[in-house]
Amino acid sequence: VVVVGAGPGGSATAAHLARRGLDVVLLEKATFPRDKICGDGLTP
């Protein structure tokens, strides 16, 4: 699997796939650390 974008959705998809035994490449356009516009709130 190739995952494009290492935001929360992309990184979580890649992590879940790796835990299921798949070979995954995660591609991120920027280099970390990098910012995203967000309220930063995480509900339950």
PDB file of all heavy atoms in Angstrom:
ATOM      1  N   VAL A   1       0.852  -1.196   0.000  1.00  0.00           N
ATOM      2  CA  VAL A   1       0.000   0.000   0.000  1.00  0.00           C
ATOM      3  C   VAL A   1       0.882   1.238   0.000  1.00  0.00           C
ATOM      4  O   VAL A   1       1.889   1.289   0.721  1.00  0.00           O
ATOM      5  CB  VAL A   1      -0.923   0.041   1.244  1.00  0.00           C
ATOM      6  CG1 VAL A   1      -1.874   1.233   1.161  1.00  0.00           C
ATOM      7  CG2 VAL A   1      -1.714  -1.258   1.388  1.00  0.00           C
ATOM      8  N   VAL A   2       0.499   2.235  -0.791  1.00  0.00           N
ATOM      9  CA  VAL A   2       1.114   3.559  -0.749  1.00  0.00           C
ATOM     10  C   VAL A   2       0.087   4.527  -0.181  1.00  0.00           C
ATOM     11  O   VAL A   2      -1.047   4.592  -0.671  1.00  0.00           O
ATOM     12  CB  VAL A   2       1.565   4.030  -2.146  1.00  0.00           C
ATOM     13  CG1 VAL A   2       1.968   5.507  -2.108  1.00  0.00           C
ATOM     14  CG2 VAL A   2       2.728   3.185  -2.648  1.00  0.00           C
ATOM     15  N   VAL A   3       0.463   5.249   0.856  1.00  0.00           N
ATOM     16  CA  VAL A   3      -0.407   6.257   1.468  1.00  0.00           C
ATOM     17  C   VAL A   3       0.189   7.628   1.177  1.00  0.00           C
ATOM     18  O   VAL A   3       1.365   7.877   1.481  1.00  0.00           O
ATOM     19  CB  VAL A   3      -0.523   6.054   2.990  1.00  0.00           C
ATOM     20  CG1 VAL A   3      -1.433   7.118   3.598  1.00  0.00           C
ATOM     21  CG2 VAL A   3      -1.055   4.651   3.308  1.00  0.00           C
ATOM     22  N   VAL A   4      -0.624   8.513   0.610  1.00  0.00           N
ATOM     23  CA  VAL A   4      -0.174   9.856   0.252  1.00  0.00           C
ATOM     24  C   VAL A   4      -0.733  10.850   1.262  1.00  0.00           C
ATOM     25  O   VAL A   4      -1.942  11.050   1.353  1.00  0.00           O
ATOM     26  CB  VAL A   4      -0.619  10.228  -1.172  1.00  0.00           C
ATOM     27  CG1 VAL A   4      -0.158  11.641  -1.518  1.00  0.00           C
ATOM     28  CG2 VAL A   4      -0.070   9.228  -2.183  1.00  0.00           C
ATOM     29  N   GLY A   5       0.151  11.465   2.050  1.00  0.00           N
ATOM     30  CA  GLY A   5      -0.251  12.444   3.049  1.00  0.00           C
ATOM     31  C   GLY A   5      -0.097  11.906   4.450  1.00  0.00           C
ATOM     32  O   GLY A   5      -0.753  10.918   4.820  1.00  0.00           O
ATOM     33  N   ALA A   6       0.758  12.554   5.253  1.00  0.00           N
ATOM     34  CA  ALA A   6       1.024  12.090   6.615  1.00  0.00           C
ATOM     35  C   ALA A   6       0.363  12.991   7.647  1.00  0.00           C
ATOM     36  O   ALA A   6       0.950  13.316   8.678  1.00  0.00           O
ATOM     37  CB  ALA A   6       2.525  11.987   6.866  1.00  0.00           C
ATOM     38  N   GLY A   7      -0.878  13.407   7.370  1.00  0.00           N
ATOM     39  CA  GLY A   7      -1.691  14.013   8.404  1.00  0.00           C
ATOM     40  C   GLY A   7      -2.252  12.910   9.294  1.00  0.00           C
ATOM     41  O   GLY A   7      -1.876  11.733   9.159  1.00  0.00           O
ATOM     42  N   PRO A   8      -3.170  13.238  10.205  1.00  0.00           N
ATOM     43  CA  PRO A   8      -3.703  12.208  11.102  1.00  0.00           C
ATOM     44  C   PRO A   8      -4.316  11.016  10.366  1.00  0.00           C
ATOM     45  O   PRO A   8      -4.070   9.866  10.737  1.00  0.00           O
ATOM     46  CB  PRO A   8      -4.758  12.975  11.906  1.00  0.00           C
ATOM     47  CG  PRO A   8      -4.237  14.378  11.945  1.00  0.00           C
ATOM     48  CD  PRO A   8      -3.620  14.599  10.596  1.00  0.00           C
ATOM     49  N   GLY A   9      -5.098  11.280   9.289  1.00  0.00           N
ATOM     50  CA  GLY A   9      -5.729  10.187   8.561  1.00  0.00           C
ATOM     51  C   GLY A   9      -4.731   9.290   7.866  1.00  0.00           C
ATOM     52  O   GLY A   9      -4.816   8.057   7.935  1.00  0.00           O
ATOM     53  N   GLY A  10      -3.762   9.877   7.177  1.00  0.00           N
ATOM     54  CA  GLY A  10      -2.776   9.091   6.450  1.00  0.00           C
ATOM     55  C   GLY A  10      -1.866   8.298   7.370  1.00  0.00           C
ATOM     56  O   GLY A  10      -1.624   7.097   7.160  1.00  0.00           O
ATOM     57  N   SER A  11      -1.355   8.951   8.411  1.00  0.00           N
ATOM     58  CA  SER A  11      -0.455   8.255   9.332  1.00  0.00           C
ATOM     59  C   SER A  11      -1.178   7.151  10.086  1.00  0.00           C
ATOM     60  O   SER A  11      -0.618   6.069  10.311  1.00  0.00           O
ATOM     61  CB  SER A  11       0.164   9.248  10.318  1.00  0.00           C
ATOM     62  OG  SER A  11       1.062  10.126   9.665  1.00  0.00           O
ATOM     63  N   ALA A  12      -2.430   7.408  10.483  1.00  0.00           N
ATOM     64  CA  ALA A  12      -3.193   6.383  11.193  1.00  0.00           C
ATOM     65  C   ALA A  12      -3.494   5.199  10.279  1.00  0.00           C
ATOM     66  O   ALA A  12      -3.427   4.039  10.711  1.00  0.00           O
ATOM     67  CB  ALA A  12      -4.481   6.974  11.743  1.00  0.00           C
ATOM     68  N   THR A  13      -3.832   5.471   9.012  1.00  0.00           N
ATOM     69  CA  THR A  13      -4.069   4.378   8.066  1.00  0.00           C
ATOM     70  C   THR A  13      -2.818   3.523   7.925  1.00  0.00           C
ATOM     71  O   THR A  13      -2.873   2.283   7.974  1.00  0.00           O
ATOM     72  CB  THR A  13      -4.470   4.932   6.690  1.00  0.00           C
ATOM     73  OG1 THR A  13      -5.632   5.760   6.807  1.00  0.00           O
ATOM     74  CG2 THR A  13      -4.775   3.798   5.717  1.00  0.00           C
ATOM     75  N   ALA A  14      -1.678   4.182   7.745  1.00  0.00           N
ATOM     76  CA  ALA A  14      -0.415   3.457   7.598  1.00  0.00           C
ATOM     77  C   ALA A  14      -0.101   2.633   8.842  1.00  0.00           C
ATOM     78  O   ALA A  14       0.324   1.466   8.750  1.00  0.00           O
ATOM     79  CB  ALA A  14       0.712   4.453   7.312  1.00  0.00           C
ATOM     80  N   ALA A  15      -0.313   3.209  10.016  1.00  0.00           N
ATOM     81  CA  ALA A  15      -0.024   2.498  11.261  1.00  0.00           C
ATOM     82  C   ALA A  15      -0.917   1.273  11.414  1.00  0.00           C
ATOM     83  O   ALA A  15      -0.446   0.178  11.772  1.00  0.00           O
ATOM     84  CB  ALA A  15      -0.197   3.441  12.442  1.00  0.00           C
ATOM     85  N   HIS A  16      -2.215   1.434  11.156  1.00  0.00           N
ATOM     86  CA  HIS A  16      -3.133   0.302  11.267  1.00  0.00           C
ATOM     87  C   HIS A  16      -2.767  -0.801  10.268  1.00  0.00           C
ATOM     88  O   HIS A  16      -2.842  -1.991  10.596  1.00  0.00           O
ATOM     89  CB  HIS A  16      -4.569   0.762  11.023  1.00  0.00           C
ATOM     90  CG  HIS A  16      -5.218   1.414  12.208  1.00  0.00           C
ATOM     91  ND1 HIS A  16      -5.408   0.761  13.404  1.00  0.00           N
ATOM     92  CD2 HIS A  16      -5.742   2.658  12.372  1.00  0.00           C
ATOM     93  CE1 HIS A  16      -6.016   1.574  14.263  1.00  0.00           C
ATOM     94  NE2 HIS A  16      -6.226   2.725  13.663  1.00  0.00           N
ATOM     95  N   LEU A  17      -2.375  -0.425   9.078  1.00  0.00           N
ATOM     96  CA  LEU A  17      -1.988  -1.417   8.079  1.00  0.00           C
ATOM     97  C   LEU A  17      -0.730  -2.161   8.499  1.00  0.00           C
ATOM     98  O   LEU A  17      -0.621  -3.384   8.331  1.00  0.00           O
ATOM     99  CB  LEU A  17      -1.768  -0.743   6.722  1.00  0.00           C
ATOM    100  CG  LEU A  17      -3.040  -0.288   5.983  1.00  0.00           C
ATOM    101  CD1 LEU A  17      -2.683   0.617   4.813  1.00  0.00           C
ATOM    102  CD2 LEU A  17      -3.824  -1.504   5.493  1.00  0.00           C
ATOM    103  N   ALA A  18       0.247  -1.437   9.038  1.00  0.00           N
ATOM    104  CA  ALA A  18       1.479  -2.077   9.497  1.00  0.00           C
ATOM    105  C   ALA A  18       1.186  -3.069  10.613  1.00  0.00           C
ATOM    106  O   ALA A  18       1.768  -4.169  10.656  1.00  0.00           O
ATOM    107  CB  ALA A  18       2.475  -1.022   9.960  1.00  0.00           C
ATOM    108  N   ARG A  19       0.285  -2.721  11.503  1.00  0.00           N
ATOM    109  CA  ARG A  19      -0.074  -3.627  12.589  1.00  0.00           C
ATOM    110  C   ARG A  19      -0.805  -4.863  12.075  1.00  0.00           C
ATOM    111  O   ARG A  19      -0.857  -5.880  12.761  1.00  0.00           O
ATOM    112  CB  ARG A  19      -0.935  -2.889  13.614  1.00  0.00           C
ATOM    113  CG  ARG A  19      -0.173  -1.787  14.339  1.00  0.00           C
ATOM    114  CD  ARG A  19      -1.055  -0.969  15.249  1.00  0.00           C
ATOM    115  NE  ARG A  19      -1.438  -1.695  16.454  1.00  0.00           N
ATOM    116  CZ  ARG A  19      -2.119  -1.144  17.457  1.00  0.00           C
ATOM    117  NH1 ARG A  19      -2.473   0.132  17.393  1.00  0.00           N
ATOM    118  NH2 ARG A  19      -2.444  -1.845  18.506  1.00  0.00           N
ATOM    119  N   ARG A  20      -1.352  -4.781  10.872  1.00  0.00           N
ATOM    120  CA  ARG A  20      -2.012  -5.918  10.232  1.00  0.00           C
ATOM    121  C   ARG A  20      -1.052  -6.696   9.330  1.00  0.00           C
ATOM    122  O   ARG A  20      -1.474  -7.598   8.616  1.00  0.00           O
ATOM    123  CB  ARG A  20      -3.235  -5.439   9.453  1.00  0.00           C
ATOM    124  CG  ARG A  20      -4.408  -5.050  10.365  1.00  0.00           C
ATOM    125  CD  ARG A  20      -5.365  -4.078   9.674  1.00  0.00           C
ATOM    126  NE  ARG A  20      -6.516  -3.776  10.511  1.00  0.00           N
ATOM    127  CZ  ARG A  20      -6.506  -2.949  11.555  1.00  0.00           C
ATOM    128  NH1 ARG A  20      -5.361  -2.360  11.920  1.00  0.00           N
ATOM    129  NH2 ARG A  20      -7.598  -2.711  12.247  1.00  0.00           N
ATOM    130  N   GLY A  21       0.222  -6.299   9.347  1.00  0.00           N
ATOM    131  CA  GLY A  21       1.232  -7.067   8.656  1.00  0.00           C
ATOM    132  C   GLY A  21       1.513  -6.660   7.227  1.00  0.00           C
ATOM    133  O   GLY A  21       2.232  -7.377   6.519  1.00  0.00           O
ATOM    134  N   LEU A  22       1.009  -5.520   6.774  1.00  0.00           N
ATOM    135  CA  LEU A  22       1.224  -5.098   5.389  1.00  0.00           C
ATOM    136  C   LEU A  22       2.460  -4.219   5.270  1.00  0.00           C
ATOM    137  O   LEU A  22       2.851  -3.533   6.219  1.00  0.00           O
ATOM    138  CB  LEU A  22      -0.004  -4.366   4.842  1.00  0.00           C
ATOM    139  CG  LEU A  22      -1.126  -5.278   4.297  1.00  0.00           C
ATOM    140  CD1 LEU A  22      -1.826  -6.003   5.431  1.00  0.00           C
ATOM    141  CD2 LEU A  22      -2.128  -4.471   3.477  1.00  0.00           C
ATOM    142  N   ASP A  23       3.046  -4.221   4.087  1.00  0.00           N
ATOM    143  CA  ASP A  23       4.206  -3.393   3.757  1.00  0.00           C
ATOM    144  C   ASP A  23       3.681  -2.058   3.230  1.00  0.00           C
ATOM    145  O   ASP A  23       3.011  -2.011   2.191  1.00  0.00           O
ATOM    146  CB  ASP A  23       5.046  -4.108   2.701  1.00  0.00           C
ATOM    147  CG  ASP A  23       6.259  -3.301   2.268  1.00  0.00           C
ATOM    148  OD1 ASP A  23       6.661  -2.388   3.003  1.00  0.00           O
ATOM    149  OD2 ASP A  23       6.800  -3.592   1.182  1.00  0.00           O
ATOM    150  N   VAL A  24       3.977  -0.973   3.933  1.00  0.00           N
ATOM    151  CA  VAL A  24       3.370   0.324   3.641  1.00  0.00           C
ATOM    152  C   VAL A  24       4.430   1.395   3.463  1.00  0.00           C
ATOM    153  O   VAL A  24       5.386   1.482   4.235  1.00  0.00           O
ATOM    154  CB  VAL A  24       2.412   0.756   4.785  1.00  0.00           C
ATOM    155  CG1 VAL A  24       1.653   2.025   4.404  1.00  0.00           C
ATOM    156  CG2 VAL A  24       1.436  -0.363   5.130  1.00  0.00           C
ATOM    157  N   VAL A  25       4.218   2.257   2.447  1.00  0.00           N
ATOM    158  CA  VAL A  25       5.020   3.467   2.264  1.00  0.00           C
ATOM    159  C   VAL A  25       4.111   4.665   2.521  1.00  0.00           C
ATOM    160  O   VAL A  25       3.008   4.755   1.970  1.00  0.00           O
ATOM    161  CB  VAL A  25       5.608   3.552   0.845  1.00  0.00           C
ATOM    162  CG1 VAL A  25       6.318   4.890   0.642  1.00  0.00           C
ATOM    163  CG2 VAL A  25       6.575   2.414   0.596  1.00  0.00           C
ATOM    164  N   LEU A  26       4.567   5.583   3.344  1.00  0.00           N
ATOM    165  CA  LEU A  26       3.826   6.796   3.694  1.00  0.00           C
ATOM    166  C   LEU A  26       4.577   7.998   3.140  1.00  0.00           C
ATOM    167  O   LEU A  26       5.713   8.265   3.538  1.00  0.00           O
ATOM    168  CB  LEU A  26       3.683   6.897   5.218  1.00  0.00           C
ATOM    169  CG  LEU A  26       3.024   8.133   5.803  1.00  0.00           C
ATOM    170  CD1 LEU A  26       1.589   8.300   5.296  1.00  0.00           C
ATOM    171  CD2 LEU A  26       3.038   8.066   7.335  1.00  0.00           C
ATOM    172  N   LEU A  27       3.947   8.721   2.212  1.00  0.00           N
ATOM    173  CA  LEU A  27       4.585   9.851   1.532  1.00  0.00           C
ATOM    174  C   LEU A  27       4.052  11.165   2.089  1.00  0.00           C
ATOM    175  O   LEU A  27       2.835  11.375   2.137  1.00  0.00           O
ATOM    176  CB  LEU A  27       4.310   9.789   0.028  1.00  0.00           C
ATOM    177  CG  LEU A  27       4.694   8.494  -0.693  1.00  0.00           C
ATOM    178  CD1 LEU A  27       4.295   8.577  -2.164  1.00  0.00           C
ATOM    179  CD2 LEU A  27       6.182   8.208  -0.554  1.00  0.00           C
ATOM    180  N   GLU A  28       4.949  12.041   2.494  1.00  0.00           N
ATOM    181  CA  GLU A  28       4.574  13.361   3.007  1.00  0.00           C
ATOM    182  C   GLU A  28       5.265  14.444   2.194  1.00  0.00           C
ATOM    183  O   GLU A  28       6.483  14.428   2.035  1.00  0.00           O
ATOM    184  CB  GLU A  28       4.952  13.485   4.486  1.00  0.00           C
ATOM    185  CG  GLU A  28       4.895  14.880   5.067  1.00  0.00           C
ATOM    186  CD  GLU A  28       3.526  15.547   4.942  1.00  0.00           C
ATOM    187  OE1 GLU A  28       2.501  14.836   5.028  1.00  0.00           O
ATOM    188  OE2 GLU A  28       3.493  16.784   4.761  1.00  0.00           O
ATOM    189  N   LYS A  29       4.461  15.373   1.667  1.00  0.00           N
ATOM    190  CA  LYS A  29       4.983  16.443   0.817  1.00  0.00           C
ATOM    191  C   LYS A  29       5.997  17.314   1.543  1.00  0.00           C
ATOM    192  O   LYS A  29       7.033  17.683   0.990  1.00  0.00           O
ATOM    193  CB  LYS A  29       3.825  17.295   0.304  1.00  0.00           C
ATOM    194  CG  LYS A  29       4.234  18.467  -0.573  1.00  0.00           C
ATOM    195  CD  LYS A  29       3.005  19.240  -1.027  1.00  0.00           C
ATOM    196  CE  LYS A  29       3.375  20.437  -1.878  1.00  0.00           C
ATOM    197  NZ  LYS A  29       2.171  21.194  -2.319  1.00  0.00           N
ATOM    198  N   ALA A  30       5.710  17.663   2.789  1.00  0.00           N
ATOM    199  CA  ALA A  30       6.574  18.552   3.571  1.00  0.00           C
ATOM    200  C   ALA A  30       7.601  17.725   4.341  1.00  0.00           C
ATOM    201  O   ALA A  30       7.701  16.506   4.188  1.00  0.00           O
ATOM    202  CB  ALA A  30       5.737  19.392   4.520  1.00  0.00           C
ATOM    203  N   THR A  31       8.374  18.405   5.163  1.00  0.00           N
ATOM    204  CA  THR A  31       9.259  17.731   6.110  1.00  0.00           C
ATOM    205  C   THR A  31       8.847  18.167   7.512  1.00  0.00           C
ATOM    206  O   THR A  31       8.473  19.326   7.734  1.00  0.00           O
ATOM    207  CB  THR A  31      10.735  18.097   5.864  1.00  0.00           C
ATOM    208  OG1 THR A  31      10.899  19.521   5.910  1.00  0.00           O
ATOM    209  CG2 THR A  31      11.197  17.593   4.510  1.00  0.00           C
ATOM    210  N   PHE A  32       8.890  17.250   8.439  1.00  0.00           N
ATOM    211  CA  PHE A  32       8.488  17.559   9.809  1.00  0.00           C
ATOM    212  C   PHE A  32       9.603  18.280  10.553  1.00  0.00           C
ATOM    213  O   PHE A  32      10.780  18.026  10.297  1.00  0.00           O
ATOM    214  CB  PHE A  32       8.123  16.260  10.536  1.00  0.00           C
ATOM    215  CG  PHE A  32       6.866  15.617  10.034  1.00  0.00           C
ATOM    216  CD1 PHE A  32       6.911  14.414   9.346  1.00  0.00           C
ATOM    217  CD2 PHE A  32       5.627  16.209  10.240  1.00  0.00           C
ATOM    218  CE1 PHE A  32       5.756  13.799   8.893  1.00  0.00           C
ATOM    219  CE2 PHE A  32       4.464  15.612   9.787  1.00  0.00           C
ATOM    220  CZ  PHE A  32       4.528  14.398   9.110  1.00  0.00           C
ATOM    221  N   PRO A  33       9.200  19.184  11.477  1.00  0.00           N
ATOM    222  CA  PRO A  33       7.830  19.553  11.828  1.00  0.00           C
ATOM    223  C   PRO A  33       7.221  20.521  10.820  1.00  0.00           C
ATOM    224  O   PRO A  33       7.934  21.350  10.244  1.00  0.00           O
ATOM    225  CB  PRO A  33       7.988  20.229  13.200  1.00  0.00           C
ATOM    226  CG  PRO A  33       9.360  20.828  13.144  1.00  0.00           C
ATOM    227  CD  PRO A  33      10.196  19.880  12.325  1.00  0.00           C
ATOM    228  N   ARG A  34       5.942  20.396  10.614  1.00  0.00           N
ATOM    229  CA  ARG A  34       5.220  21.320   9.755  1.00  0.00           C
ATOM    230  C   ARG A  34       3.834  21.579  10.349  1.00  0.00           C
ATOM    231  O   ARG A  34       3.271  20.741  11.040  1.00  0.00           O
ATOM    232  CB  ARG A  34       5.138  20.804   8.326  1.00  0.00           C
ATOM    233  CG  ARG A  34       4.448  19.440   8.185  1.00  0.00           C
ATOM    234  CD  ARG A  34       3.055  19.627   7.630  1.00  0.00           C
ATOM    235  NE  ARG A  34       2.418  18.349   7.346  1.00  0.00           N
ATOM    236  CZ  ARG A  34       1.611  17.723   8.179  1.00  0.00           C
ATOM    237  NH1 ARG A  34       1.360  18.245   9.382  1.00  0.00           N
ATOM    238  NH2 ARG A  34       1.033  16.571   7.848  1.00  0.00           N
ATOM    239  N   ASP A  35       3.281  22.748  10.060  1.00  0.00           N
ATOM    240  CA  ASP A  35       2.044  23.193  10.701  1.00  0.00           C
ATOM    241  C   ASP A  35       0.839  22.906   9.822  1.00  0.00           C
ATOM    242  O   ASP A  35       0.961  22.785   8.603  1.00  0.00           O
ATOM    243  CB  ASP A  35       2.123  24.692  11.010  1.00  0.00           C
ATOM    244  CG  ASP A  35       1.094  25.141  12.025  1.00  0.00           C
ATOM    245  OD1 ASP A  35       0.513  24.280  12.704  1.00  0.00           O
ATOM    246  OD2 ASP A  35       0.877  26.357  12.145  1.00  0.00           O
ATOM    247  N   LYS A  36      -0.327  22.796  10.441  1.00  0.00           N
ATOM    248  CA  LYS A  36      -1.610  22.724   9.752  1.00  0.00           C
ATOM    249  C   LYS A  36      -2.604  23.577  10.526  1.00  0.00           C
ATOM    250  O   LYS A  36      -2.570  23.628  11.757  1.00  0.00           O
ATOM    251  CB  LYS A  36      -2.120  21.276   9.691  1.00  0.00           C
ATOM    252  CG  LYS A  36      -1.337  20.377   8.742  1.00  0.00           C
ATOM    253  CD  LYS A  36      -1.563  20.744   7.285  1.00  0.00           C
ATOM    254  CE  LYS A  36      -0.803  19.803   6.359  1.00  0.00           C
ATOM    255  NZ  LYS A  36      -1.005  20.126   4.938  1.00  0.00           N
ATOM    256  N   ILE A  37      -3.491  24.244   9.793  1.00  0.00           N
ATOM    257  CA  ILE A  37      -4.485  25.108  10.442  1.00  0.00           C
ATOM    258  C   ILE A  37      -5.542  24.228  11.092  1.00  0.00           C
ATOM    259  O   ILE A  37      -6.186  23.419  10.426  1.00  0.00           O
ATOM    260  CB  ILE A  37      -5.145  26.058   9.427  1.00  0.00           C
ATOM    261  CG1 ILE A  37      -4.084  26.762   8.589  1.00  0.00           C
ATOM    262  CG2 ILE A  37      -6.027  27.070  10.152  1.00  0.00           C
ATOM    263  CD1 ILE A  37      -3.021  27.466   9.381  1.00  0.00           C
ATOM    264  N   CYS A  38      -5.735  24.401  12.403  1.00  0.00           N
ATOM    265  CA  CYS A  38      -6.635  23.523  13.146  1.00  0.00           C
ATOM    266  C   CYS A  38      -6.896  24.143  14.507  1.00  0.00           C
ATOM    267  O   CYS A  38      -6.094  24.938  15.003  1.00  0.00           O
ATOM    268  CB  CYS A  38      -5.986  22.146  13.300  1.00  0.00           C
ATOM    269  SG  CYS A  38      -7.010  20.895  14.083  1.00  0.00           S
ATOM    270  N   GLY A  39      -7.995  23.741  15.116  1.00  0.00           N
ATOM    271  CA  GLY A  39      -8.263  24.173  16.484  1.00  0.00           C
ATOM    272  C   GLY A  39      -7.468  23.388  17.509  1.00  0.00           C
ATOM    273  O   GLY A  39      -7.419  23.783  18.674  1.00  0.00           O
ATOM    274  N   ASP A  40      -6.883  22.266  17.086  1.00  0.00           N
ATOM    275  CA  ASP A  40      -6.043  21.427  17.954  1.00  0.00           C
ATOM    276  C   ASP A  40      -6.825  20.706  19.037  1.00  0.00           C
ATOM    277  O   ASP A  40      -6.235  20.092  19.927  1.00  0.00           O
ATOM    278  CB  ASP A  40      -4.914  22.231  18.613  1.00  0.00           C
ATOM    279  CG  ASP A  40      -3.962  22.863  17.609  1.00  0.00           C
ATOM    280  OD1 ASP A  40      -3.854  22.334  16.485  1.00  0.00           O
ATOM    281  OD2 ASP A  40      -3.335  23.892  17.954  1.00  0.00           O
ATOM    282  N   GLY A  41      -8.161  20.755  18.974  1.00  0.00           N
ATOM    283  CA  GLY A  41      -8.961  20.082  19.983  1.00  0.00           C
ATOM    284  C   GLY A  41      -9.208  18.630  19.605  1.00  0.00           C
ATOM    285  O   GLY A  41      -9.498  18.311  18.458  1.00  0.00           O
ATOM    286  N   LEU A  42      -9.071  17.746  20.584  1.00  0.00           N
ATOM    287  CA  LEU A  42      -9.305  16.318  20.395  1.00  0.00           C
ATOM    288  C   LEU A  42     -10.414  15.893  21.344  1.00  0.00           C
ATOM    289  O   LEU A  42     -10.219  15.839  22.561  1.00  0.00           O
ATOM    290  CB  LEU A  42      -8.025  15.528  20.679  1.00  0.00           C
ATOM    291  CG  LEU A  42      -6.818  15.880  19.796  1.00  0.00           C
ATOM    292  CD1 LEU A  42      -5.537  15.299  20.381  1.00  0.00           C
ATOM    293  CD2 LEU A  42      -7.031  15.394  18.375  1.00  0.00           C
ATOM    294  N   THR A  43     -11.590  15.624  20.787  1.00  0.00           N
ATOM    295  CA  THR A  43     -12.720  15.204  21.605  1.00  0.00           C
ATOM    296  C   THR A  43     -12.505  13.774  22.083  1.00  0.00           C
ATOM    297  O   THR A  43     -11.586  13.076  21.635  1.00  0.00           O
ATOM    298  CB  THR A  43     -14.029  15.267  20.797  1.00  0.00           C
ATOM    299  OG1 THR A  43     -14.005  14.239  19.796  1.00  0.00           O
ATOM    300  CG2 THR A  43     -14.206  16.625  20.141  1.00  0.00           C
ATOM    301  N   PRO A  44     -13.370  13.276  22.992  1.00  0.00           N
ATOM    302  CA  PRO A  44     -13.236  11.884  23.413  1.00  0.00           C
ATOM    303  C   PRO A  44     -13.263  10.877  22.263  1.00  0.00           C
ATOM    304  O   PRO A  44     -12.670   9.801  22.380  1.00  0.00           O
ATOM    305  CB  PRO A  44     -14.427  11.701  24.357  1.00  0.00           C
ATOM    306  CG  PRO A  44     -14.599  13.062  24.979  1.00  0.00           C
ATOM    307  CD  PRO A  44     -14.345  14.014  23.836  1.00  0.00           C
TER     308      PRO A  44
END
